[in-house]
Amino acid sequence: MAQASRFLINTGTGKGKTSASMGVMARSWARGWNVCVVQFMKSEKWKVGERKLAEHLGIEWFTLGDGFTWESTDLDETAAKGRHAWEVGAEKISSGGYDMVILDEATYIVKYGWMPVDDLVAVIAARPARTNVVMTGRYAAPELIEIADTVTEMTKIKHAMDVGISARKGIEY
């Protein structure tokens, strides 16, 4: 008997939300699953190692943001890109063509009011039986947490960036 798909959320202020989802990406691929990653906030200027791995493995990858809001020079454009990323993610989820869809930093489109949470809930709740979803980002909405099967909160205890140590290739990206 086939198991029902799962919806997982990695949230909180600590490091590791995307890193954990990339572990699931690798695990899913290793099981022969069709995997897709949609990045909501990160831009093409971030040359992240996990994308290089995904391309090597033949995993579909969409980097659709223009950077985090504090980097934005046009918040209306940033919001429009976030909404577009949701359109792509929703289409991938609803298509039935994927075993795993990872929505990296997707929680922000609800947090910032760019998309109504009910739109995300409706698509994720109605996903095809084979389609698992992992969502990452701080401030996951209670409505998303309610429909999730597993929610993990990463809590920051200490972070190198707090004392001026910048991000390092192979660790943060």
Protein backbone atom coordinates (compact mmCIF):
# COMPACT_ATOMS: atom_id res chain seq x y z
CA MET A 1 0.00 0.00 0.00
CA ALA A 2 1.40 3.39 -1.01
CA GLN A 3 1.97 5.95 1.70
CA ALA A 4 0.38 9.37 1.50
CA SER A 5 2.64 12.27 0.63
CA ARG A 6 4.04 14.53 3.32
CA PHE A 7 4.26 18.27 3.92
CA LEU A 8 7.25 19.39 5.98
CA ILE A 9 8.22 22.85 7.20
CA ASN A 10 11.67 23.97 8.36
CA THR A 11 11.23 27.31 10.11
CA GLY A 12 12.75 29.44 12.86
CA THR A 13 15.54 31.97 13.29
CA GLY A 14 18.40 29.49 13.29
CA LYS A 15 20.69 28.37 10.49
CA GLY A 16 19.94 25.14 8.69
CA LYS A 17 16.46 25.42 7.19
CA THR A 18 17.59 25.31 3.57
CA SER A 19 20.48 22.98 4.39
CA ALA A 20 18.04 20.45 5.86
CA SER A 21 15.79 20.68 2.80
CA MET A 22 18.80 20.06 0.55
CA GLY A 23 19.48 16.87 2.47
CA VAL A 24 15.93 15.79 1.68
CA MET A 25 16.52 16.81 -1.95
CA ALA A 26 19.52 14.46 -2.14
CA ARG A 27 17.74 11.67 -0.30
CA SER A 28 14.70 11.95 -2.60
CA TRP A 29 16.85 11.89 -5.73
CA ALA A 30 18.75 8.85 -4.42
CA ARG A 31 15.41 7.03 -4.13
CA GLY A 32 14.66 7.69 -7.79
CA TRP A 33 12.18 10.48 -7.15
CA ASN A 34 11.48 13.31 -9.55
CA VAL A 35 12.56 16.43 -7.59
CA CYS A 36 12.10 20.16 -8.13
CA VAL A 37 13.43 23.14 -6.12
CA VAL A 38 11.87 26.62 -6.25
CA GLN A 39 13.79 29.38 -4.48
CA PHE A 40 11.62 32.34 -3.54
CA MET A 41 13.99 34.98 -2.18
CA LYS A 42 17.47 34.06 -3.29
CA SER A 43 18.71 35.58 -6.53
CA GLU A 44 20.87 34.31 -9.38
CA LYS A 45 23.81 36.29 -7.96
CA TRP A 46 24.04 33.69 -5.15
CA LYS A 47 26.14 30.87 -6.62
CA VAL A 48 25.09 28.22 -4.12
CA GLY A 49 26.77 24.83 -3.98
CA GLU A 50 23.51 22.94 -3.66
CA ARG A 51 22.37 24.26 -7.05
CA LYS A 52 25.57 22.94 -8.61
CA LEU A 53 24.77 19.54 -7.08
CA ALA A 54 21.16 19.69 -8.30
CA GLU A 55 22.26 20.51 -11.84
CA HIS A 56 24.74 17.63 -11.75
CA LEU A 57 21.94 15.29 -10.64
CA GLY A 58 19.41 16.59 -13.18
CA ILE A 59 17.12 18.11 -10.56
CA GLU A 60 14.94 20.98 -11.80
CA TRP A 61 15.91 24.23 -10.07
CA PHE A 62 14.30 27.67 -10.23
CA THR A 63 15.94 30.69 -8.56
CA LEU A 64 13.21 33.32 -8.88
CA GLY A 65 13.90 35.99 -6.26
CA ASP A 66 16.00 39.12 -6.42
CA GLY A 67 17.50 38.83 -2.96
CA PHE A 68 16.23 39.35 0.54
CA THR A 69 14.03 42.37 1.24
CA TRP A 70 16.83 44.28 2.97
CA GLU A 71 18.80 44.02 -0.31
CA SER A 72 15.91 45.12 -2.53
CA THR A 73 15.97 48.39 -4.42
CA ASP A 74 12.34 47.95 -5.55
CA LEU A 75 10.04 46.15 -3.08
CA ASP A 76 7.18 46.06 -5.60
CA GLU A 77 9.39 44.10 -7.99
CA THR A 78 10.59 41.86 -5.15
CA ALA A 79 6.94 41.14 -4.23
CA ALA A 80 6.05 40.43 -7.88
CA LYS A 81 8.93 37.97 -8.11
CA GLY A 82 7.72 36.29 -4.92
CA ARG A 83 4.23 35.91 -6.37
CA HIS A 84 5.70 34.54 -9.60
CA ALA A 85 7.76 32.02 -7.62
CA TRP A 86 4.52 30.85 -5.98
CA GLU A 87 2.88 30.46 -9.41
CA VAL A 88 5.78 28.24 -10.48
CA GLY A 89 5.76 26.29 -7.20
CA ALA A 90 1.99 25.83 -7.28
CA GLU A 91 2.14 24.59 -10.85
CA LYS A 92 4.89 22.10 -9.99
CA ILE A 93 2.97 20.83 -6.94
CA SER A 94 -0.37 20.56 -8.77
CA SER A 95 1.07 18.95 -11.90
CA GLY A 96 1.44 15.52 -10.32
CA GLY A 97 4.79 15.17 -12.06
CA TYR A 98 6.96 15.40 -8.97
CA ASP A 99 7.61 13.24 -5.96
CA MET A 100 9.29 16.11 -4.10
CA VAL A 101 8.88 19.88 -4.45
CA ILE A 102 11.06 22.07 -2.25
CA LEU A 103 9.81 25.63 -1.69
CA ASP A 104 12.90 27.40 -0.34
CA GLU A 105 12.16 30.60 1.65
CA ALA A 106 8.48 30.42 0.66
CA THR A 107 7.20 31.44 4.11
CA TYR A 108 8.15 35.05 3.40
CA ILE A 109 5.53 35.56 0.70
CA VAL A 110 2.87 35.14 3.39
CA LYS A 111 4.81 36.99 6.11
CA TYR A 112 5.21 40.05 3.88
CA GLY A 113 1.61 39.92 2.62
CA TRP A 114 2.50 39.18 -0.99
CA MET A 115 0.20 36.14 -1.12
CA PRO A 116 -2.78 35.14 1.01
CA VAL A 117 -1.95 32.13 3.17
CA ASP A 118 -5.20 30.49 2.05
CA ASP A 119 -3.81 30.25 -1.51
CA LEU A 120 -0.80 28.27 -0.30
CA VAL A 121 -2.90 26.11 2.01
CA ALA A 122 -5.35 25.25 -0.79
CA VAL A 123 -2.64 24.11 -3.22
CA ILE A 124 -0.59 22.18 -0.67
CA ALA A 125 -3.64 20.51 0.89
CA ALA A 126 -4.91 19.44 -2.55
CA ARG A 127 -1.53 18.17 -3.81
CA PRO A 128 -1.46 14.88 -5.70
CA ALA A 129 -0.92 11.79 -3.56
CA ARG A 130 2.63 11.27 -4.88
CA THR A 131 3.80 14.87 -4.31
CA ASN A 132 5.69 15.61 -1.11
CA VAL A 133 6.46 19.24 -0.23
CA VAL A 134 9.16 20.80 1.92
CA MET A 135 8.85 24.51 2.74
CA THR A 136 11.55 26.60 4.38
CA GLY A 137 11.78 30.07 5.87
CA ARG A 138 11.29 32.01 9.06
CA TYR A 139 7.86 32.88 10.46
CA ALA A 140 5.81 30.00 9.05
CA ALA A 141 2.14 30.96 9.21
CA PRO A 142 -0.01 29.04 11.72
CA GLU A 143 -2.30 27.94 8.89
CA LEU A 144 0.62 26.23 7.15
CA ILE A 145 1.85 24.69 10.39
CA GLU A 146 -1.67 23.32 10.95
CA ILE A 147 -1.70 21.33 7.68
CA ALA A 148 1.96 20.21 7.89
CA ASP A 149 2.86 16.68 8.86
CA THR A 150 6.22 17.66 10.33
CA VAL A 151 7.41 21.08 11.48
CA THR A 152 10.94 21.69 12.69
CA GLU A 153 11.96 24.98 14.24
CA MET A 154 15.63 25.88 14.01
CA THR A 155 16.56 28.11 16.95
CA LYS A 156 19.63 30.32 16.83
CA ILE A 157 21.84 29.95 19.87
CA LYS A 158 24.90 31.58 18.32
CA HIS A 159 25.87 32.53 14.76
CA ALA A 160 29.26 33.50 13.35
CA MET A 161 27.71 36.38 11.40
CA ASP A 162 26.69 38.02 14.71
CA VAL A 163 30.35 38.75 15.36
CA GLY A 164 31.18 39.84 11.82
CA ILE A 165 32.31 36.53 10.35
CA SER A 166 30.95 36.48 6.80
CA ALA A 167 29.31 33.57 4.99
CA ARG A 168 31.65 30.87 3.76
CA LYS A 169 31.47 28.79 0.61
CA GLY A 170 30.72 25.20 1.51
CA ILE A 171 29.12 26.14 4.84
CA GLU A 172 26.49 28.82 4.15
CA TYR A 173 26.30 28.50 0.38
